[in-house]
Amino acid sequence: MDSESKPYEPKLEQVLGTKGKVRILCYLAENYPHDYPLSEISRQIGISKRATNVNLEELTKQGMTSYRTIGNRIFYTLANENLCSAVMNMENNLKEILQASTSAKPTS
């Protein structure tokens, strides 16, 4: 790689770059189409409100989440049903792969 070329950065890595983003996406997918305030999301996923806020801002900029404001509270949800399906499918596929690889290991 020459000094001017950038390293390959897959889109998935940009979106799922932190465990906070993954936890948020999974929580919102499991509860779609409901929306939740930042404080509830933070409490449910076990990450500080500040970190949750930063991750939600990034996910919203990326088009992954949307929000609505009621009074002084902001409620977040996944951007659409297709995204919800994609997140749930990815999570279920990973569980199946991990279960298959665990059960395929020979016992000593």
N, C-alpha and C. Protein backbone atom coordinates (compact mmCIF):
# COMPACT_ATOMS: atom_id res chain seq x y z
N MET A 1 0.85 -1.17 0.00
CA MET A 1 0.00 0.00 0.00
C MET A 1 0.90 1.24 0.00
N ASP A 2 0.68 2.16 -0.94
CA ASP A 2 1.50 3.35 -0.97
C ASP A 2 1.05 4.34 0.09
N SER A 3 1.84 5.39 0.31
CA SER A 3 1.57 6.31 1.41
C SER A 3 0.32 7.14 1.21
N GLU A 4 -0.18 7.24 -0.03
CA GLU A 4 -1.35 8.06 -0.30
C GLU A 4 -2.66 7.26 -0.23
N SER A 5 -2.60 5.97 -0.34
CA SER A 5 -3.84 5.21 -0.33
C SER A 5 -4.31 4.98 1.10
N LYS A 6 -5.63 4.97 1.25
CA LYS A 6 -6.23 4.77 2.56
C LYS A 6 -6.44 3.28 2.78
N PRO A 7 -6.39 2.83 4.04
CA PRO A 7 -6.68 1.42 4.31
C PRO A 7 -8.14 1.14 4.02
N TYR A 8 -8.42 -0.09 3.66
CA TYR A 8 -9.79 -0.51 3.38
C TYR A 8 -10.60 -0.44 4.67
N GLU A 9 -11.71 0.25 4.64
CA GLU A 9 -12.61 0.36 5.79
C GLU A 9 -13.99 -0.11 5.37
N PRO A 10 -14.36 -1.34 5.72
CA PRO A 10 -15.68 -1.83 5.35
C PRO A 10 -16.78 -1.03 6.03
N LYS A 11 -17.89 -0.88 5.34
CA LYS A 11 -19.02 -0.12 5.87
C LYS A 11 -19.51 -0.72 7.18
N LEU A 12 -19.51 -2.05 7.28
CA LEU A 12 -19.97 -2.71 8.49
C LEU A 12 -19.15 -2.26 9.69
N GLU A 13 -17.86 -2.13 9.49
CA GLU A 13 -16.98 -1.68 10.58
C GLU A 13 -17.31 -0.25 10.99
N GLN A 14 -17.62 0.59 10.03
CA GLN A 14 -17.96 1.98 10.34
C GLN A 14 -19.24 2.05 11.16
N VAL A 15 -20.21 1.22 10.83
CA VAL A 15 -21.49 1.24 11.54
C VAL A 15 -21.37 0.56 12.89
N LEU A 16 -20.73 -0.61 12.92
CA LEU A 16 -20.68 -1.42 14.13
C LEU A 16 -19.35 -1.27 14.86
N GLY A 17 -18.71 -0.14 14.73
CA GLY A 17 -17.37 0.07 15.25
C GLY A 17 -17.20 -0.04 16.75
N THR A 18 -18.28 0.01 17.52
CA THR A 18 -18.17 -0.09 18.97
C THR A 18 -19.22 -1.04 19.52
N LYS A 19 -18.92 -1.59 20.69
CA LYS A 19 -19.91 -2.48 21.31
C LYS A 19 -21.16 -1.69 21.68
N GLY A 20 -21.01 -0.40 21.94
CA GLY A 20 -22.17 0.43 22.25
C GLY A 20 -23.14 0.49 21.09
N LYS A 21 -22.61 0.67 19.88
CA LYS A 21 -23.47 0.72 18.70
C LYS A 21 -24.17 -0.61 18.47
N VAL A 22 -23.44 -1.68 18.66
CA VAL A 22 -24.03 -3.01 18.48
C VAL A 22 -25.14 -3.23 19.49
N ARG A 23 -24.88 -2.90 20.75
CA ARG A 23 -25.90 -3.07 21.79
C ARG A 23 -27.14 -2.23 21.50
N ILE A 24 -26.92 -0.99 21.07
CA ILE A 24 -28.05 -0.11 20.75
C ILE A 24 -28.87 -0.70 19.61
N LEU A 25 -28.20 -1.08 18.53
CA LEU A 25 -28.92 -1.63 17.37
C LEU A 25 -29.70 -2.89 17.75
N CYS A 26 -29.08 -3.76 18.52
CA CYS A 26 -29.77 -5.00 18.91
C CYS A 26 -30.95 -4.70 19.83
N TYR A 27 -30.77 -3.80 20.78
CA TYR A 27 -31.86 -3.46 21.69
C TYR A 27 -33.03 -2.85 20.92
N LEU A 28 -32.73 -1.90 20.03
CA LEU A 28 -33.80 -1.26 19.27
C LEU A 28 -34.46 -2.25 18.30
N ALA A 29 -33.68 -3.17 17.74
CA ALA A 29 -34.26 -4.16 16.83
C ALA A 29 -35.19 -5.11 17.59
N GLU A 30 -34.78 -5.54 18.77
CA GLU A 30 -35.60 -6.45 19.56
C GLU A 30 -36.91 -5.80 20.01
N ASN A 31 -36.93 -4.48 20.07
CA ASN A 31 -38.10 -3.75 20.56
C ASN A 31 -38.76 -2.90 19.49
N TYR A 32 -38.40 -3.13 18.23
CA TYR A 32 -38.97 -2.36 17.12
C TYR A 32 -40.46 -2.65 17.00
N PRO A 33 -41.31 -1.68 16.73
CA PRO A 33 -41.08 -0.30 16.32
C PRO A 33 -41.14 0.71 17.46
N HIS A 34 -41.07 0.27 18.70
CA HIS A 34 -41.14 1.20 19.83
C HIS A 34 -39.91 2.10 19.85
N ASP A 35 -40.09 3.27 20.41
CA ASP A 35 -38.96 4.18 20.57
C ASP A 35 -38.73 4.45 22.06
N TYR A 36 -37.50 4.79 22.40
CA TYR A 36 -37.11 4.92 23.80
C TYR A 36 -36.23 6.15 23.99
N PRO A 37 -36.34 6.76 25.19
CA PRO A 37 -35.44 7.88 25.49
C PRO A 37 -34.03 7.37 25.76
N LEU A 38 -33.08 8.24 25.59
CA LEU A 38 -31.67 7.91 25.79
C LEU A 38 -31.44 7.25 27.14
N SER A 39 -32.05 7.77 28.20
CA SER A 39 -31.82 7.22 29.54
C SER A 39 -32.26 5.76 29.64
N GLU A 40 -33.36 5.40 29.00
CA GLU A 40 -33.85 4.02 29.03
C GLU A 40 -32.93 3.11 28.22
N ILE A 41 -32.50 3.58 27.06
CA ILE A 41 -31.58 2.78 26.23
C ILE A 41 -30.29 2.55 27.00
N SER A 42 -29.76 3.60 27.60
CA SER A 42 -28.52 3.50 28.38
C SER A 42 -28.66 2.48 29.50
N ARG A 43 -29.75 2.56 30.23
CA ARG A 43 -29.98 1.63 31.35
C ARG A 43 -30.09 0.19 30.86
N GLN A 44 -30.81 -0.02 29.78
CA GLN A 44 -31.06 -1.38 29.28
C GLN A 44 -29.79 -2.03 28.72
N ILE A 45 -28.92 -1.25 28.09
CA ILE A 45 -27.72 -1.85 27.47
C ILE A 45 -26.50 -1.79 28.37
N GLY A 46 -26.60 -1.09 29.51
CA GLY A 46 -25.50 -1.08 30.47
C GLY A 46 -24.31 -0.24 30.07
N ILE A 47 -24.57 0.87 29.40
CA ILE A 47 -23.50 1.78 28.99
C ILE A 47 -23.88 3.18 29.47
N SER A 48 -22.90 4.00 29.80
CA SER A 48 -23.17 5.33 30.33
C SER A 48 -24.04 6.15 29.37
N LYS A 49 -24.75 7.12 29.94
CA LYS A 49 -25.59 7.99 29.13
C LYS A 49 -24.77 8.76 28.11
N ARG A 50 -23.59 9.21 28.52
CA ARG A 50 -22.72 9.97 27.61
C ARG A 50 -22.32 9.12 26.41
N ALA A 51 -21.86 7.89 26.67
CA ALA A 51 -21.45 7.00 25.59
C ALA A 51 -22.64 6.63 24.71
N THR A 52 -23.79 6.40 25.34
CA THR A 52 -25.00 6.08 24.58
C THR A 52 -25.38 7.24 23.68
N ASN A 53 -25.29 8.46 24.21
CA ASN A 53 -25.61 9.65 23.42
C ASN A 53 -24.68 9.78 22.22
N VAL A 54 -23.39 9.61 22.43
CA VAL A 54 -22.43 9.71 21.32
C VAL A 54 -22.73 8.66 20.26
N ASN A 55 -22.98 7.43 20.69
CA ASN A 55 -23.29 6.36 19.73
C ASN A 55 -24.59 6.61 18.99
N LEU A 56 -25.61 7.09 19.69
CA LEU A 56 -26.89 7.39 19.04
C LEU A 56 -26.74 8.52 18.02
N GLU A 57 -25.95 9.53 18.34
CA GLU A 57 -25.71 10.62 17.39
C GLU A 57 -25.05 10.09 16.12
N GLU A 58 -24.05 9.22 16.29
CA GLU A 58 -23.36 8.64 15.13
C GLU A 58 -24.30 7.76 14.32
N LEU A 59 -25.08 6.93 15.00
CA LEU A 59 -26.01 6.06 14.30
C LEU A 59 -27.08 6.87 13.55
N THR A 60 -27.50 7.98 14.12
CA THR A 60 -28.48 8.84 13.46
C THR A 60 -27.86 9.50 12.23
N LYS A 61 -26.62 9.97 12.35
CA LYS A 61 -25.92 10.56 11.19
C LYS A 61 -25.75 9.54 10.07
N GLN A 62 -25.56 8.28 10.43
CA GLN A 62 -25.38 7.21 9.45
C GLN A 62 -26.70 6.71 8.88
N GLY A 63 -27.81 7.23 9.40
CA GLY A 63 -29.12 6.83 8.91
C GLY A 63 -29.64 5.53 9.50
N MET A 64 -29.02 5.08 10.58
CA MET A 64 -29.41 3.81 11.19
C MET A 64 -30.53 3.97 12.22
N THR A 65 -30.57 5.11 12.88
CA THR A 65 -31.62 5.39 13.85
C THR A 65 -32.32 6.68 13.47
N SER A 66 -33.53 6.82 13.97
CA SER A 66 -34.26 8.07 13.82
C SER A 66 -34.80 8.46 15.19
N TYR A 67 -35.28 9.67 15.31
CA TYR A 67 -35.74 10.13 16.61
C TYR A 67 -36.92 11.08 16.45
N ARG A 68 -37.61 11.25 17.56
CA ARG A 68 -38.65 12.27 17.65
C ARG A 68 -38.51 12.93 19.01
N THR A 69 -38.91 14.18 19.05
CA THR A 69 -38.79 14.95 20.29
C THR A 69 -40.18 15.18 20.87
N ILE A 70 -40.32 14.89 22.15
CA ILE A 70 -41.56 15.18 22.88
C ILE A 70 -41.14 16.01 24.08
N GLY A 71 -41.53 17.27 24.08
CA GLY A 71 -41.08 18.17 25.13
C GLY A 71 -39.58 18.33 25.04
N ASN A 72 -38.90 18.04 26.14
CA ASN A 72 -37.44 18.12 26.12
C ASN A 72 -36.78 16.75 26.04
N ARG A 73 -37.56 15.72 25.74
CA ARG A 73 -37.02 14.36 25.65
C ARG A 73 -36.95 13.91 24.19
N ILE A 74 -35.89 13.17 23.88
CA ILE A 74 -35.70 12.63 22.53
C ILE A 74 -35.87 11.13 22.62
N PHE A 75 -36.71 10.58 21.74
CA PHE A 75 -36.99 9.15 21.69
C PHE A 75 -36.39 8.58 20.41
N TYR A 76 -35.63 7.49 20.55
CA TYR A 76 -34.93 6.88 19.42
C TYR A 76 -35.55 5.54 19.03
N THR A 77 -35.47 5.23 17.75
CA THR A 77 -35.87 3.93 17.23
C THR A 77 -34.99 3.62 16.03
N LEU A 78 -35.09 2.41 15.51
CA LEU A 78 -34.37 2.10 14.27
C LEU A 78 -35.00 2.88 13.12
N ALA A 79 -34.21 3.15 12.11
CA ALA A 79 -34.66 3.99 11.01
C ALA A 79 -35.81 3.38 10.21
N ASN A 80 -35.82 2.04 10.08
CA ASN A 80 -36.90 1.41 9.32
C ASN A 80 -36.95 -0.09 9.59
N GLU A 81 -37.99 -0.71 9.08
CA GLU A 81 -38.22 -2.14 9.31
C GLU A 81 -37.16 -3.01 8.63
N ASN A 82 -36.68 -2.59 7.46
CA ASN A 82 -35.64 -3.37 6.78
C ASN A 82 -34.37 -3.46 7.61
N LEU A 83 -34.01 -2.37 8.24
CA LEU A 83 -32.84 -2.37 9.11
C LEU A 83 -33.07 -3.28 10.31
N CYS A 84 -34.27 -3.24 10.85
CA CYS A 84 -34.61 -4.12 11.97
C CYS A 84 -34.42 -5.58 11.56
N SER A 85 -34.93 -5.94 10.41
CA SER A 85 -34.79 -7.32 9.92
C SER A 85 -33.32 -7.69 9.72
N ALA A 86 -32.54 -6.77 9.18
CA ALA A 86 -31.12 -7.03 8.94
C ALA A 86 -30.38 -7.27 10.25
N VAL A 87 -30.64 -6.45 11.25
CA VAL A 87 -29.97 -6.61 12.55
C VAL A 87 -30.37 -7.93 13.20
N MET A 88 -31.66 -8.23 13.18
CA MET A 88 -32.13 -9.48 13.79
C MET A 88 -31.57 -10.70 13.05
N ASN A 89 -31.54 -10.65 11.72
CA ASN A 89 -30.98 -11.76 10.94
C ASN A 89 -29.50 -11.95 11.24
N MET A 90 -28.76 -10.84 11.32
CA MET A 90 -27.34 -10.94 11.61
C MET A 90 -27.11 -11.56 12.98
N GLU A 91 -27.87 -11.12 13.96
CA GLU A 91 -27.72 -11.67 15.31
C GLU A 91 -28.08 -13.15 15.36
N ASN A 92 -29.18 -13.53 14.72
CA ASN A 92 -29.60 -14.94 14.70
C ASN A 92 -28.60 -15.81 13.95
N ASN A 93 -28.09 -15.32 12.82
CA ASN A 93 -27.10 -16.08 12.05
C ASN A 93 -25.83 -16.31 12.86
N LEU A 94 -25.38 -15.28 13.56
CA LEU A 94 -24.18 -15.44 14.39
C LEU A 94 -24.39 -16.46 15.50
N LYS A 95 -25.57 -16.43 16.12
CA LYS A 95 -25.87 -17.42 17.17
C LYS A 95 -25.83 -18.83 16.60
N GLU A 96 -26.44 -19.03 15.43
CA GLU A 96 -26.45 -20.36 14.80
C GLU A 96 -25.04 -20.82 14.45
N ILE A 97 -24.24 -19.92 13.92
CA ILE A 97 -22.86 -20.27 13.55
C ILE A 97 -22.06 -20.65 14.79
N LEU A 98 -22.21 -19.87 15.85
CA LEU A 98 -21.48 -20.16 17.09
C LEU A 98 -21.93 -21.48 17.72
N GLN A 99 -23.23 -21.74 17.69
CA GLN A 99 -23.74 -23.00 18.22
C GLN A 99 -23.23 -24.18 17.41
N ALA A 100 -23.24 -24.04 16.09
CA ALA A 100 -22.76 -25.12 15.21
C ALA A 100 -21.28 -25.38 15.43
N SER A 101 -20.49 -24.31 15.57
CA SER A 101 -19.05 -24.50 15.74
C SER A 101 -18.75 -25.09 17.11
N THR A 102 -19.53 -24.76 18.11
CA THR A 102 -19.35 -25.32 19.45
C THR A 102 -19.70 -26.80 19.48
N SER A 103 -20.81 -27.16 18.84
CA SER A 103 -21.24 -28.56 18.85
C SER A 103 -20.40 -29.44 17.92
N ALA A 104 -19.69 -28.83 16.98
CA ALA A 104 -18.87 -29.60 16.03
C ALA A 104 -17.49 -29.90 16.59
N LYS A 105 -17.11 -29.24 17.71
CA LYS A 105 -15.79 -29.49 18.27
C LYS A 105 -15.73 -30.88 18.89
N PRO A 106 -14.68 -31.62 18.56
CA PRO A 106 -14.55 -32.95 19.17
C PRO A 106 -14.24 -32.84 20.65
N THR A 107 -14.81 -33.73 21.41
CA THR A 107 -14.53 -33.74 22.84
C THR A 107 -13.34 -34.64 23.12
N SER A 108 -12.54 -34.22 24.07
CA SER A 108 -11.33 -34.98 24.39
C SER A 108 -11.59 -35.99 25.47
